[in-house]
Amino acid sequence: LDRYEELAAGLEPHAPRLLFAELRANADPDKDRVLFHRLEMGQAMLDGISEAFPFPKEEVMESSPAVVIWLAGIVREEDRHAASELLLATLKKHPFAPTRYDAMRLLAKISEEEAQAYPSEANWSAALDYYDRIIERYGMRGEDGEQFIAKARILTELGRNEEALPLLATVIRNPEWRGIAPSQAHLRLGLANFELGRFS
């Protein structure tokens, strides 16, 4: 225990919070706004702060896609439309950024939430369009098959159960996707078959 405490004490000067505090103190927002915003994001994440930092939207849009996506995730809790606008703007500005997948995935989730809050064929179809594009462009990139389950869920809402079946089967057959995803797929597969009148 004494040795552990000695080693832990040696790490204290290198604690992430102290490092970020020093970096933020030396950062000049006028000279490198992108770095300054990333440091603000990092500090907020370390502190567990779940509210947007106080920068105007125009200034935030000058920052990196990672910061915009993080901010959109916070704004989403209060205003899904504003969060979607941020994500669409960063996708337009940075069409080839490595964070494009993360932005598309968050857009899809927000669109599905909107359809759940205000169900209509148009809203469900809009959410479906996002998942169509994610699966088409990124295929099996998702770590848990959630994009396939989400698309199947939306198809079921649209009464298109037959189309949902192969998507759910994809999740069940993929050995890389473990945990809760295959269980969810099995459940939804049973529900979809039930809706289709297949009881055996």
N, C-alpha and C. Protein backbone atom coordinates (compact mmCIF):
# COMPACT_ATOMS: atom_id res chain seq x y z
N LEU A 1 0.84 -1.21 0.00
CA LEU A 1 0.00 0.00 0.00
C LEU A 1 0.87 1.26 0.00
N ASP A 2 1.95 1.22 0.79
CA ASP A 2 2.84 2.38 0.84
C ASP A 2 3.44 2.66 -0.54
N ARG A 3 3.81 1.56 -1.23
CA ARG A 3 4.40 1.70 -2.56
C ARG A 3 3.39 2.28 -3.55
N TYR A 4 2.14 1.82 -3.43
CA TYR A 4 1.07 2.33 -4.30
C TYR A 4 0.88 3.83 -4.07
N GLU A 5 0.83 4.23 -2.80
CA GLU A 5 0.63 5.65 -2.49
C GLU A 5 1.80 6.49 -2.97
N GLU A 6 2.99 5.91 -2.91
CA GLU A 6 4.18 6.62 -3.39
C GLU A 6 4.10 6.84 -4.90
N LEU A 7 3.70 5.78 -5.62
CA LEU A 7 3.57 5.89 -7.08
C LEU A 7 2.45 6.84 -7.47
N ALA A 8 1.34 6.77 -6.73
CA ALA A 8 0.20 7.65 -7.02
C ALA A 8 0.58 9.10 -6.81
N ALA A 9 1.34 9.37 -5.75
CA ALA A 9 1.77 10.74 -5.47
C ALA A 9 2.68 11.26 -6.59
N GLY A 10 3.49 10.36 -7.17
CA GLY A 10 4.36 10.75 -8.26
C GLY A 10 3.61 11.13 -9.53
N LEU A 11 2.41 10.58 -9.69
CA LEU A 11 1.60 10.89 -10.87
C LEU A 11 0.79 12.17 -10.71
N GLU A 12 0.61 12.63 -9.50
CA GLU A 12 -0.26 13.78 -9.22
C GLU A 12 0.07 15.01 -10.06
N PRO A 13 1.38 15.36 -10.21
CA PRO A 13 1.68 16.55 -11.03
C PRO A 13 1.27 16.40 -12.49
N HIS A 14 1.02 15.16 -12.92
CA HIS A 14 0.66 14.92 -14.32
C HIS A 14 -0.83 14.64 -14.48
N ALA A 15 -1.62 14.97 -13.48
CA ALA A 15 -3.07 14.74 -13.55
C ALA A 15 -3.65 15.52 -14.72
N PRO A 16 -4.56 14.89 -15.49
CA PRO A 16 -5.12 15.58 -16.67
C PRO A 16 -5.69 16.96 -16.36
N ARG A 17 -6.36 17.09 -15.21
CA ARG A 17 -6.95 18.40 -14.90
C ARG A 17 -5.89 19.48 -14.79
N LEU A 18 -4.74 19.14 -14.16
CA LEU A 18 -3.67 20.12 -14.02
C LEU A 18 -3.05 20.45 -15.37
N LEU A 19 -2.87 19.43 -16.20
CA LEU A 19 -2.30 19.67 -17.52
C LEU A 19 -3.21 20.56 -18.36
N PHE A 20 -4.52 20.28 -18.33
CA PHE A 20 -5.46 21.10 -19.10
C PHE A 20 -5.51 22.53 -18.56
N ALA A 21 -5.44 22.66 -17.24
CA ALA A 21 -5.48 24.00 -16.64
C ALA A 21 -4.28 24.82 -17.12
N GLU A 22 -3.12 24.18 -17.18
CA GLU A 22 -1.91 24.88 -17.62
C GLU A 22 -2.01 25.24 -19.11
N LEU A 23 -2.46 24.28 -19.91
CA LEU A 23 -2.59 24.53 -21.34
C LEU A 23 -3.60 25.65 -21.62
N ARG A 24 -4.71 25.64 -20.89
CA ARG A 24 -5.74 26.67 -21.09
C ARG A 24 -5.22 28.03 -20.68
N ALA A 25 -4.43 28.07 -19.61
CA ALA A 25 -3.89 29.35 -19.13
C ALA A 25 -2.94 29.96 -20.14
N ASN A 26 -2.25 29.11 -20.90
CA ASN A 26 -1.28 29.61 -21.87
C ASN A 26 -1.85 29.75 -23.28
N ALA A 27 -3.07 29.28 -23.49
CA ALA A 27 -3.66 29.34 -24.83
C ALA A 27 -4.17 30.75 -25.13
N ASP A 28 -4.01 31.16 -26.36
CA ASP A 28 -4.48 32.47 -26.80
C ASP A 28 -5.65 32.25 -27.78
N PRO A 29 -6.89 32.53 -27.34
CA PRO A 29 -8.05 32.28 -28.21
C PRO A 29 -8.03 33.10 -29.49
N ASP A 30 -7.31 34.22 -29.50
CA ASP A 30 -7.26 35.04 -30.70
C ASP A 30 -6.30 34.47 -31.74
N LYS A 31 -5.26 33.78 -31.26
CA LYS A 31 -4.26 33.24 -32.19
C LYS A 31 -4.60 31.83 -32.65
N ASP A 32 -5.15 31.03 -31.76
CA ASP A 32 -5.48 29.65 -32.12
C ASP A 32 -6.80 29.27 -31.47
N ARG A 33 -7.88 29.70 -32.11
CA ARG A 33 -9.21 29.48 -31.56
C ARG A 33 -9.58 27.99 -31.54
N VAL A 34 -9.14 27.26 -32.57
CA VAL A 34 -9.45 25.83 -32.64
C VAL A 34 -8.86 25.10 -31.44
N LEU A 35 -7.59 25.37 -31.14
CA LEU A 35 -6.94 24.74 -29.98
C LEU A 35 -7.64 25.15 -28.70
N PHE A 36 -7.96 26.44 -28.58
CA PHE A 36 -8.61 26.93 -27.36
C PHE A 36 -9.95 26.22 -27.14
N HIS A 37 -10.74 26.04 -28.18
CA HIS A 37 -12.02 25.36 -28.05
C HIS A 37 -11.85 23.89 -27.67
N ARG A 38 -10.83 23.25 -28.25
CA ARG A 38 -10.58 21.84 -27.92
C ARG A 38 -10.18 21.70 -26.45
N LEU A 39 -9.40 22.65 -25.96
CA LEU A 39 -9.01 22.63 -24.55
C LEU A 39 -10.23 22.86 -23.65
N GLU A 40 -11.10 23.76 -24.05
CA GLU A 40 -12.33 24.00 -23.28
C GLU A 40 -13.19 22.75 -23.25
N MET A 41 -13.28 22.07 -24.40
CA MET A 41 -14.05 20.83 -24.46
C MET A 41 -13.43 19.77 -23.55
N GLY A 42 -12.11 19.62 -23.63
CA GLY A 42 -11.42 18.64 -22.79
C GLY A 42 -11.62 18.90 -21.32
N GLN A 43 -11.51 20.16 -20.93
CA GLN A 43 -11.70 20.50 -19.52
C GLN A 43 -13.13 20.22 -19.07
N ALA A 44 -14.09 20.57 -19.91
CA ALA A 44 -15.49 20.33 -19.57
C ALA A 44 -15.77 18.83 -19.42
N MET A 45 -15.17 18.03 -20.29
CA MET A 45 -15.37 16.58 -20.22
C MET A 45 -14.73 16.01 -18.95
N LEU A 46 -13.56 16.51 -18.60
CA LEU A 46 -12.90 16.06 -17.37
C LEU A 46 -13.70 16.43 -16.13
N ASP A 47 -14.31 17.61 -16.17
CA ASP A 47 -15.08 18.10 -15.02
C ASP A 47 -16.51 17.56 -15.00
N GLY A 48 -16.88 16.83 -16.05
CA GLY A 48 -18.23 16.28 -16.10
C GLY A 48 -19.29 17.34 -16.33
N ILE A 49 -18.90 18.44 -16.96
CA ILE A 49 -19.86 19.51 -17.23
C ILE A 49 -20.67 19.15 -18.47
N SER A 50 -21.98 19.22 -18.34
CA SER A 50 -22.84 18.83 -19.47
C SER A 50 -23.64 20.03 -19.97
N GLU A 51 -23.01 21.16 -20.03
CA GLU A 51 -23.66 22.33 -20.61
C GLU A 51 -22.69 23.02 -21.57
N ALA A 52 -23.23 23.63 -22.58
CA ALA A 52 -22.40 24.20 -23.63
C ALA A 52 -21.53 25.34 -23.11
N PHE A 53 -20.29 25.40 -23.60
CA PHE A 53 -19.45 26.52 -23.17
C PHE A 53 -19.92 27.79 -23.88
N PRO A 54 -19.66 28.93 -23.26
CA PRO A 54 -20.30 30.18 -23.71
C PRO A 54 -19.62 30.84 -24.90
N PHE A 55 -19.69 30.20 -26.07
CA PHE A 55 -19.17 30.82 -27.27
C PHE A 55 -20.30 30.91 -28.29
N PRO A 56 -20.36 32.00 -29.04
CA PRO A 56 -21.43 32.12 -30.05
C PRO A 56 -21.29 31.05 -31.12
N LYS A 57 -22.43 30.71 -31.73
CA LYS A 57 -22.47 29.64 -32.73
C LYS A 57 -21.49 29.90 -33.86
N GLU A 58 -21.39 31.15 -34.34
CA GLU A 58 -20.50 31.46 -35.44
C GLU A 58 -19.05 31.15 -35.08
N GLU A 59 -18.69 31.41 -33.83
CA GLU A 59 -17.32 31.14 -33.38
C GLU A 59 -17.07 29.65 -33.25
N VAL A 60 -18.06 28.94 -32.74
CA VAL A 60 -17.93 27.49 -32.59
C VAL A 60 -17.75 26.82 -33.94
N MET A 61 -18.45 27.32 -34.96
CA MET A 61 -18.37 26.72 -36.28
C MET A 61 -16.98 26.86 -36.90
N GLU A 62 -16.15 27.74 -36.34
CA GLU A 62 -14.77 27.87 -36.82
C GLU A 62 -13.88 26.81 -36.18
N SER A 63 -14.42 26.10 -35.21
CA SER A 63 -13.63 25.12 -34.49
C SER A 63 -13.58 23.80 -35.24
N SER A 64 -12.96 22.80 -34.61
CA SER A 64 -12.82 21.49 -35.24
C SER A 64 -14.14 20.73 -35.22
N PRO A 65 -14.35 19.79 -36.14
CA PRO A 65 -15.59 19.00 -36.15
C PRO A 65 -15.83 18.28 -34.83
N ALA A 66 -14.77 17.83 -34.17
CA ALA A 66 -14.93 17.11 -32.91
C ALA A 66 -15.61 17.98 -31.86
N VAL A 67 -15.23 19.25 -31.81
CA VAL A 67 -15.83 20.18 -30.85
C VAL A 67 -17.30 20.42 -31.20
N VAL A 68 -17.58 20.59 -32.48
CA VAL A 68 -18.96 20.85 -32.91
C VAL A 68 -19.85 19.65 -32.59
N ILE A 69 -19.36 18.45 -32.84
CA ILE A 69 -20.14 17.25 -32.56
C ILE A 69 -20.39 17.11 -31.06
N TRP A 70 -19.37 17.37 -30.27
CA TRP A 70 -19.53 17.32 -28.81
C TRP A 70 -20.56 18.33 -28.35
N LEU A 71 -20.47 19.55 -28.88
CA LEU A 71 -21.41 20.60 -28.51
C LEU A 71 -22.83 20.24 -28.95
N ALA A 72 -22.97 19.67 -30.13
CA ALA A 72 -24.29 19.26 -30.63
C ALA A 72 -24.92 18.22 -29.70
N GLY A 73 -24.09 17.33 -29.16
CA GLY A 73 -24.60 16.32 -28.23
C GLY A 73 -25.16 16.95 -26.97
N ILE A 74 -24.60 18.08 -26.56
CA ILE A 74 -25.11 18.79 -25.39
C ILE A 74 -26.38 19.57 -25.75
N VAL A 75 -26.31 20.31 -26.85
CA VAL A 75 -27.44 21.13 -27.29
C VAL A 75 -28.67 20.25 -27.56
N ARG A 76 -28.43 19.04 -28.02
CA ARG A 76 -29.51 18.08 -28.35
C ARG A 76 -30.50 17.90 -27.21
N GLU A 77 -30.03 17.98 -25.97
CA GLU A 77 -30.91 17.78 -24.81
C GLU A 77 -31.98 18.86 -24.71
N GLU A 78 -31.64 20.06 -25.19
CA GLU A 78 -32.57 21.19 -25.08
C GLU A 78 -33.25 21.53 -26.41
N ASP A 79 -32.51 21.33 -27.51
CA ASP A 79 -33.01 21.80 -28.80
C ASP A 79 -32.48 20.89 -29.91
N ARG A 80 -33.27 19.90 -30.31
CA ARG A 80 -32.82 18.96 -31.33
C ARG A 80 -32.57 19.65 -32.67
N HIS A 81 -33.40 20.65 -32.99
CA HIS A 81 -33.25 21.36 -34.26
C HIS A 81 -31.91 22.09 -34.31
N ALA A 82 -31.56 22.78 -33.22
CA ALA A 82 -30.29 23.51 -33.19
C ALA A 82 -29.11 22.55 -33.28
N ALA A 83 -29.22 21.40 -32.62
CA ALA A 83 -28.15 20.40 -32.69
C ALA A 83 -27.98 19.88 -34.11
N SER A 84 -29.09 19.63 -34.78
CA SER A 84 -29.03 19.15 -36.17
C SER A 84 -28.39 20.19 -37.08
N GLU A 85 -28.70 21.46 -36.85
CA GLU A 85 -28.12 22.53 -37.66
C GLU A 85 -26.60 22.56 -37.51
N LEU A 86 -26.12 22.40 -36.27
CA LEU A 86 -24.68 22.38 -36.03
C LEU A 86 -24.02 21.22 -36.78
N LEU A 87 -24.63 20.05 -36.70
CA LEU A 87 -24.06 18.87 -37.34
C LEU A 87 -24.07 18.98 -38.86
N LEU A 88 -25.18 19.47 -39.41
CA LEU A 88 -25.26 19.64 -40.86
C LEU A 88 -24.24 20.65 -41.36
N ALA A 89 -24.05 21.71 -40.58
CA ALA A 89 -23.09 22.75 -40.97
C ALA A 89 -21.66 22.21 -40.96
N THR A 90 -21.32 21.41 -39.94
CA THR A 90 -19.95 20.89 -39.90
C THR A 90 -19.72 19.82 -40.96
N LEU A 91 -20.78 19.06 -41.30
CA LEU A 91 -20.66 18.09 -42.39
C LEU A 91 -20.41 18.79 -43.73
N LYS A 92 -21.07 19.92 -43.91
CA LYS A 92 -20.90 20.69 -45.14
C LYS A 92 -19.50 21.31 -45.21
N LYS A 93 -19.03 21.79 -44.06
CA LYS A 93 -17.74 22.47 -44.01
C LYS A 93 -16.57 21.49 -44.07
N HIS A 94 -16.77 20.30 -43.48
CA HIS A 94 -15.69 19.30 -43.41
C HIS A 94 -16.20 17.97 -43.98
N PRO A 95 -16.43 17.91 -45.29
CA PRO A 95 -17.06 16.71 -45.88
C PRO A 95 -16.21 15.44 -45.80
N PHE A 96 -14.89 15.59 -45.60
CA PHE A 96 -14.03 14.41 -45.58
C PHE A 96 -13.35 14.19 -44.23
N ALA A 97 -13.86 14.86 -43.20
CA ALA A 97 -13.27 14.71 -41.87
C ALA A 97 -13.49 13.30 -41.34
N PRO A 98 -12.53 12.77 -40.58
CA PRO A 98 -12.70 11.42 -40.01
C PRO A 98 -13.86 11.32 -39.02
N THR A 99 -14.34 12.48 -38.56
CA THR A 99 -15.46 12.50 -37.62
C THR A 99 -16.82 12.46 -38.33
N ARG A 100 -16.82 12.35 -39.65
CA ARG A 100 -18.08 12.38 -40.40
C ARG A 100 -19.04 11.29 -39.93
N TYR A 101 -18.51 10.11 -39.68
CA TYR A 101 -19.36 9.01 -39.22
C TYR A 101 -20.05 9.36 -37.90
N ASP A 102 -19.31 9.95 -36.97
CA ASP A 102 -19.88 10.32 -35.68
C ASP A 102 -20.98 11.36 -35.84
N ALA A 103 -20.75 12.33 -36.73
CA ALA A 103 -21.76 13.36 -36.98
C ALA A 103 -23.02 12.75 -37.60
N MET A 104 -22.83 11.86 -38.56
CA MET A 104 -23.98 11.21 -39.21
C MET A 104 -24.76 10.36 -38.21
N ARG A 105 -24.05 9.66 -37.36
CA ARG A 105 -24.71 8.80 -36.38
C ARG A 105 -25.53 9.62 -35.39
N LEU A 106 -24.97 10.76 -34.94
CA LEU A 106 -25.71 11.61 -34.01
C LEU A 106 -26.91 12.24 -34.71
N LEU A 107 -26.76 12.63 -35.96
CA LEU A 107 -27.88 13.18 -36.73
C LEU A 107 -29.01 12.16 -36.84
N ALA A 108 -28.64 10.91 -37.08
CA ALA A 108 -29.64 9.85 -37.21
C ALA A 108 -30.39 9.66 -35.89
N LYS A 109 -29.66 9.68 -34.79
CA LYS A 109 -30.30 9.50 -33.48
C LYS A 109 -31.24 10.66 -33.18
N ILE A 110 -30.80 11.88 -33.50
CA ILE A 110 -31.65 13.05 -33.26
C ILE A 110 -32.90 12.97 -34.12
N SER A 111 -32.75 12.56 -35.36
CA SER A 111 -33.89 12.44 -36.27
C SER A 111 -34.88 11.39 -35.77
N GLU A 112 -34.35 10.29 -35.23
CA GLU A 112 -35.23 9.25 -34.69
C GLU A 112 -35.96 9.76 -33.44
N GLU A 113 -35.25 10.51 -32.61
CA GLU A 113 -35.89 11.10 -31.42
C GLU A 113 -37.02 12.04 -31.82
N GLU A 114 -36.80 12.79 -32.88
CA GLU A 114 -37.83 13.71 -33.37
C GLU A 114 -39.06 12.92 -33.84
N ALA A 115 -38.82 11.80 -34.52
CA ALA A 115 -39.92 10.97 -34.99
C ALA A 115 -40.68 10.33 -33.82
N GLN A 116 -39.95 9.97 -32.77
CA GLN A 116 -40.59 9.40 -31.59
C GLN A 116 -41.45 10.44 -30.88
N ALA A 117 -40.95 11.69 -30.85
CA ALA A 117 -41.68 12.77 -30.19
C ALA A 117 -42.88 13.23 -31.02
N TYR A 118 -42.70 13.25 -32.33
CA TYR A 118 -43.76 13.71 -33.25
C TYR A 118 -43.92 12.68 -34.36
N PRO A 119 -44.55 11.53 -34.05
CA PRO A 119 -44.63 10.46 -35.04
C PRO A 119 -45.43 10.83 -36.27
N SER A 120 -44.83 10.62 -37.40
CA SER A 120 -45.51 10.79 -38.69
C SER A 120 -44.69 10.04 -39.72
N GLU A 121 -45.29 9.71 -40.82
CA GLU A 121 -44.56 8.99 -41.86
C GLU A 121 -43.37 9.81 -42.35
N ALA A 122 -43.56 11.12 -42.45
CA ALA A 122 -42.47 11.98 -42.94
C ALA A 122 -41.28 11.96 -41.98
N ASN A 123 -41.57 12.05 -40.67
CA ASN A 123 -40.48 12.07 -39.69
C ASN A 123 -39.76 10.73 -39.61
N TRP A 124 -40.53 9.64 -39.64
CA TRP A 124 -39.90 8.32 -39.61
C TRP A 124 -39.08 8.09 -40.88
N SER A 125 -39.57 8.57 -42.01
CA SER A 125 -38.85 8.41 -43.28
C SER A 125 -37.56 9.22 -43.28
N ALA A 126 -37.59 10.39 -42.64
CA ALA A 126 -36.38 11.22 -42.55
C ALA A 126 -35.31 10.50 -41.71
N ALA A 127 -35.74 9.89 -40.60
CA ALA A 127 -34.80 9.14 -39.76
C ALA A 127 -34.26 7.93 -40.52
N LEU A 128 -35.13 7.27 -41.26
CA LEU A 128 -34.72 6.11 -42.05
C LEU A 128 -33.65 6.50 -43.08
N ASP A 129 -33.81 7.66 -43.67
CA ASP A 129 -32.87 8.11 -44.69
C ASP A 129 -31.46 8.23 -44.11
N TYR A 130 -31.35 8.75 -42.89
CA TYR A 130 -30.03 8.87 -42.26
C TYR A 130 -29.40 7.50 -42.05
N TYR A 131 -30.18 6.54 -41.53
CA TYR A 131 -29.62 5.21 -41.30
C TYR A 131 -29.31 4.50 -42.61
N ASP A 132 -30.09 4.76 -43.65
CA ASP A 132 -29.77 4.21 -44.98
C ASP A 132 -28.38 4.67 -45.41
N ARG A 133 -28.13 5.96 -45.24
CA ARG A 133 -26.84 6.51 -45.68
C ARG A 133 -25.68 5.99 -44.82
N ILE A 134 -25.92 5.86 -43.52
CA ILE A 134 -24.87 5.35 -42.64
C ILE A 134 -24.49 3.92 -43.03
N ILE A 135 -25.49 3.08 -43.24
CA ILE A 135 -25.22 1.67 -43.60
C ILE A 135 -24.58 1.59 -44.97
N GLU A 136 -25.05 2.43 -45.90
CA GLU A 136 -24.50 2.40 -47.26
C GLU A 136 -23.04 2.84 -47.28
N ARG A 137 -22.72 3.88 -46.51
CA ARG A 137 -21.36 4.44 -46.58
C ARG A 137 -20.38 3.77 -45.62
N TYR A 138 -20.88 3.32 -44.49
CA TYR A 138 -19.96 2.82 -43.47
C TYR A 138 -20.16 1.34 -43.16
N GLY A 139 -21.17 0.74 -43.76
CA GLY A 139 -21.35 -0.69 -43.66
C GLY A 139 -21.27 -1.24 -42.26
N MET A 140 -20.25 -2.04 -42.01
CA MET A 140 -20.12 -2.76 -40.75
C MET A 140 -19.28 -2.00 -39.74
N ARG A 141 -19.08 -0.70 -39.93
CA ARG A 141 -18.19 0.04 -39.03
C ARG A 141 -18.71 0.08 -37.60
N GLY A 142 -20.00 0.15 -37.42
CA GLY A 142 -20.56 0.22 -36.07
C GLY A 142 -20.08 -0.92 -35.21
N GLU A 143 -19.77 -0.61 -33.96
CA GLU A 143 -19.19 -1.61 -33.07
C GLU A 143 -20.22 -2.60 -32.54
N ASP A 144 -21.48 -2.23 -32.58
CA ASP A 144 -22.48 -3.09 -31.95
C ASP A 144 -23.69 -3.39 -32.84
N GLY A 145 -23.65 -2.96 -34.09
CA GLY A 145 -24.77 -3.23 -34.98
C GLY A 145 -25.98 -2.35 -34.73
N GLU A 146 -25.80 -1.30 -33.93
CA GLU A 146 -26.94 -0.45 -33.57
C GLU A 146 -27.60 0.17 -34.79
N GLN A 147 -26.79 0.50 -35.83
CA GLN A 147 -27.39 1.14 -37.01
C GLN A 147 -28.38 0.21 -37.71
N PHE A 148 -28.10 -1.10 -37.70
CA PHE A 148 -29.01 -2.07 -38.32
C PHE A 148 -30.28 -2.24 -37.48
N ILE A 149 -30.10 -2.28 -36.15
CA ILE A 149 -31.26 -2.41 -35.26
C ILE A 149 -32.14 -1.17 -35.35
N ALA A 150 -31.51 0.00 -35.41
CA ALA A 150 -32.27 1.25 -35.51
C ALA A 150 -33.06 1.31 -36.80
N LYS A 151 -32.42 0.93 -37.90
CA LYS A 151 -33.13 0.95 -39.19
C LYS A 151 -34.31 -0.03 -39.16
N ALA A 152 -34.09 -1.22 -38.58
CA ALA A 152 -35.18 -2.20 -38.47
C ALA A 152 -36.31 -1.66 -37.61
N ARG A 153 -35.94 -0.98 -36.54
CA ARG A 153 -36.94 -0.40 -35.64
C ARG A 153 -37.81 0.61 -36.38
N ILE A 154 -37.17 1.44 -37.20
CA ILE A 154 -37.91 2.47 -37.95
C ILE A 154 -38.79 1.84 -39.02
N LEU A 155 -38.26 0.82 -39.70
CA LEU A 155 -39.07 0.13 -40.72
C LEU A 155 -40.32 -0.48 -40.09
N THR A 156 -40.17 -1.00 -38.87
CA THR A 156 -41.33 -1.56 -38.15
C THR A 156 -42.36 -0.47 -37.87
N GLU A 157 -41.88 0.71 -37.49
CA GLU A 157 -42.78 1.84 -37.23
C GLU A 157 -43.53 2.23 -38.51
N LEU A 158 -42.88 2.03 -39.65
CA LEU A 158 -43.51 2.36 -40.93
C LEU A 158 -44.35 1.20 -41.47
N GLY A 159 -44.43 0.12 -40.69
CA GLY A 159 -45.22 -1.03 -41.12
C GLY A 159 -44.54 -1.89 -42.16
N ARG A 160 -43.22 -1.77 -42.27
CA ARG A 160 -42.47 -2.51 -43.27
C ARG A 160 -41.65 -3.61 -42.60
N ASN A 161 -42.36 -4.49 -41.90
CA ASN A 161 -41.72 -5.53 -41.10
C ASN A 161 -40.87 -6.49 -41.93
N GLU A 162 -41.34 -6.82 -43.11
CA GLU A 162 -40.61 -7.76 -43.96
C GLU A 162 -39.20 -7.27 -44.26
N GLU A 163 -39.08 -5.96 -44.47
CA GLU A 163 -37.78 -5.37 -44.78
C GLU A 163 -36.86 -5.35 -43.56
N ALA A 164 -37.47 -5.39 -42.37
CA ALA A 164 -36.67 -5.34 -41.14
C ALA A 164 -35.97 -6.66 -40.85
N LEU A 165 -36.53 -7.76 -41.34
CA LEU A 165 -36.02 -9.09 -40.99
C LEU A 165 -34.55 -9.31 -41.38
N PRO A 166 -34.14 -9.03 -42.63
CA PRO A 166 -32.73 -9.28 -42.97
C PRO A 166 -31.75 -8.39 -42.20
N LEU A 167 -32.17 -7.21 -41.82
CA LEU A 167 -31.31 -6.33 -41.04
C LEU A 167 -31.03 -6.93 -39.66
N LEU A 168 -32.08 -7.44 -39.04
CA LEU A 168 -31.93 -8.06 -37.73
C LEU A 168 -31.11 -9.34 -37.82
N ALA A 169 -31.30 -10.09 -38.89
CA ALA A 169 -30.52 -11.31 -39.10
C ALA A 169 -29.03 -10.99 -39.25
N THR A 170 -28.73 -9.84 -39.86
CA THR A 170 -27.33 -9.42 -40.03
C THR A 170 -26.66 -9.26 -38.67
N VAL A 171 -27.37 -8.66 -37.73
CA VAL A 171 -26.81 -8.45 -36.38
C VAL A 171 -26.61 -9.79 -35.68
N ILE A 172 -27.59 -10.67 -35.79
CA ILE A 172 -27.51 -11.97 -35.11
C ILE A 172 -26.37 -12.82 -35.67
N ARG A 173 -26.13 -12.74 -36.97
CA ARG A 173 -25.12 -13.59 -37.60
C ARG A 173 -23.70 -13.07 -37.43
N ASN A 174 -23.54 -11.80 -37.08
CA ASN A 174 -22.20 -11.23 -36.99
C ASN A 174 -21.56 -11.57 -35.65
N PRO A 175 -20.50 -12.39 -35.62
CA PRO A 175 -19.88 -12.79 -34.35
C PRO A 175 -19.15 -11.65 -33.64
N GLU A 176 -18.87 -10.57 -34.39
CA GLU A 176 -18.15 -9.45 -33.78
C GLU A 176 -19.06 -8.61 -32.88
N TRP A 177 -20.36 -8.68 -33.13
CA TRP A 177 -21.30 -7.88 -32.35
C TRP A 177 -21.85 -8.71 -31.21
N ARG A 178 -21.38 -8.41 -30.02
CA ARG A 178 -21.78 -9.16 -28.84
C ARG A 178 -22.53 -8.24 -27.89
N GLY A 179 -22.77 -8.72 -26.70
CA GLY A 179 -23.46 -7.90 -25.72
C GLY A 179 -24.96 -7.86 -25.96
N ILE A 180 -25.53 -6.67 -25.79
CA ILE A 180 -26.99 -6.54 -25.83
C ILE A 180 -27.54 -6.52 -27.25
N ALA A 181 -26.74 -6.14 -28.24
CA ALA A 181 -27.23 -5.99 -29.62
C ALA A 181 -27.88 -7.26 -30.18
N PRO A 182 -27.23 -8.43 -30.10
CA PRO A 182 -27.89 -9.64 -30.63
C PRO A 182 -29.18 -9.97 -29.90
N SER A 183 -29.22 -9.70 -28.59
CA SER A 183 -30.45 -9.95 -27.83
C SER A 183 -31.59 -9.05 -28.31
N GLN A 184 -31.25 -7.77 -28.55
CA GLN A 184 -32.26 -6.84 -29.07
C GLN A 184 -32.73 -7.29 -30.46
N ALA A 185 -31.79 -7.76 -31.26
CA ALA A 185 -32.15 -8.21 -32.61
C ALA A 185 -33.06 -9.43 -32.56
N HIS A 186 -32.77 -10.37 -31.66
CA HIS A 186 -33.61 -11.56 -31.51
C HIS A 186 -35.04 -11.15 -31.10
N LEU A 187 -35.13 -10.22 -30.15
CA LEU A 187 -36.44 -9.76 -29.67
C LEU A 187 -37.21 -9.10 -30.80
N ARG A 188 -36.56 -8.20 -31.52
CA ARG A 188 -37.25 -7.48 -32.60
C ARG A 188 -37.59 -8.41 -33.76
N LEU A 189 -36.76 -9.42 -33.97
CA LEU A 189 -37.05 -10.39 -35.01
C LEU A 189 -38.34 -11.14 -34.68
N GLY A 190 -38.48 -11.51 -33.40
CA GLY A 190 -39.70 -12.19 -32.98
C GLY A 190 -40.92 -11.30 -33.11
N LEU A 191 -40.78 -10.03 -32.72
CA LEU A 191 -41.91 -9.10 -32.81
C LEU A 191 -42.32 -8.85 -34.26
N ALA A 192 -41.30 -8.71 -35.13
CA ALA A 192 -41.59 -8.47 -36.55
C ALA A 192 -42.31 -9.66 -37.16
N ASN A 193 -41.86 -10.87 -36.83
CA ASN A 193 -42.52 -12.08 -37.34
C ASN A 193 -43.94 -12.19 -36.79
N PHE A 194 -44.12 -11.79 -35.53
CA PHE A 194 -45.46 -11.81 -34.94
C PHE A 194 -46.40 -10.89 -35.69
N GLU A 195 -45.90 -9.69 -36.00
CA GLU A 195 -46.71 -8.73 -36.75
C GLU A 195 -47.06 -9.24 -38.14
N LEU A 196 -46.18 -10.08 -38.67
CA LEU A 196 -46.43 -10.67 -40.00
C LEU A 196 -47.29 -11.93 -39.93
N GLY A 197 -47.68 -12.30 -38.70
CA GLY A 197 -48.55 -13.46 -38.53
C GLY A 197 -47.82 -14.78 -38.58
N ARG A 198 -46.50 -14.74 -38.36
CA ARG A 198 -45.70 -15.97 -38.35
C ARG A 198 -45.44 -16.35 -36.89
N PHE A 199 -46.11 -17.35 -36.43
CA PHE A 199 -46.05 -17.70 -35.01
C PHE A 199 -45.21 -18.93 -34.72
N SER A 200 -44.55 -19.47 -35.71
CA SER A 200 -43.74 -20.67 -35.47
C SER A 200 -42.43 -20.57 -36.20
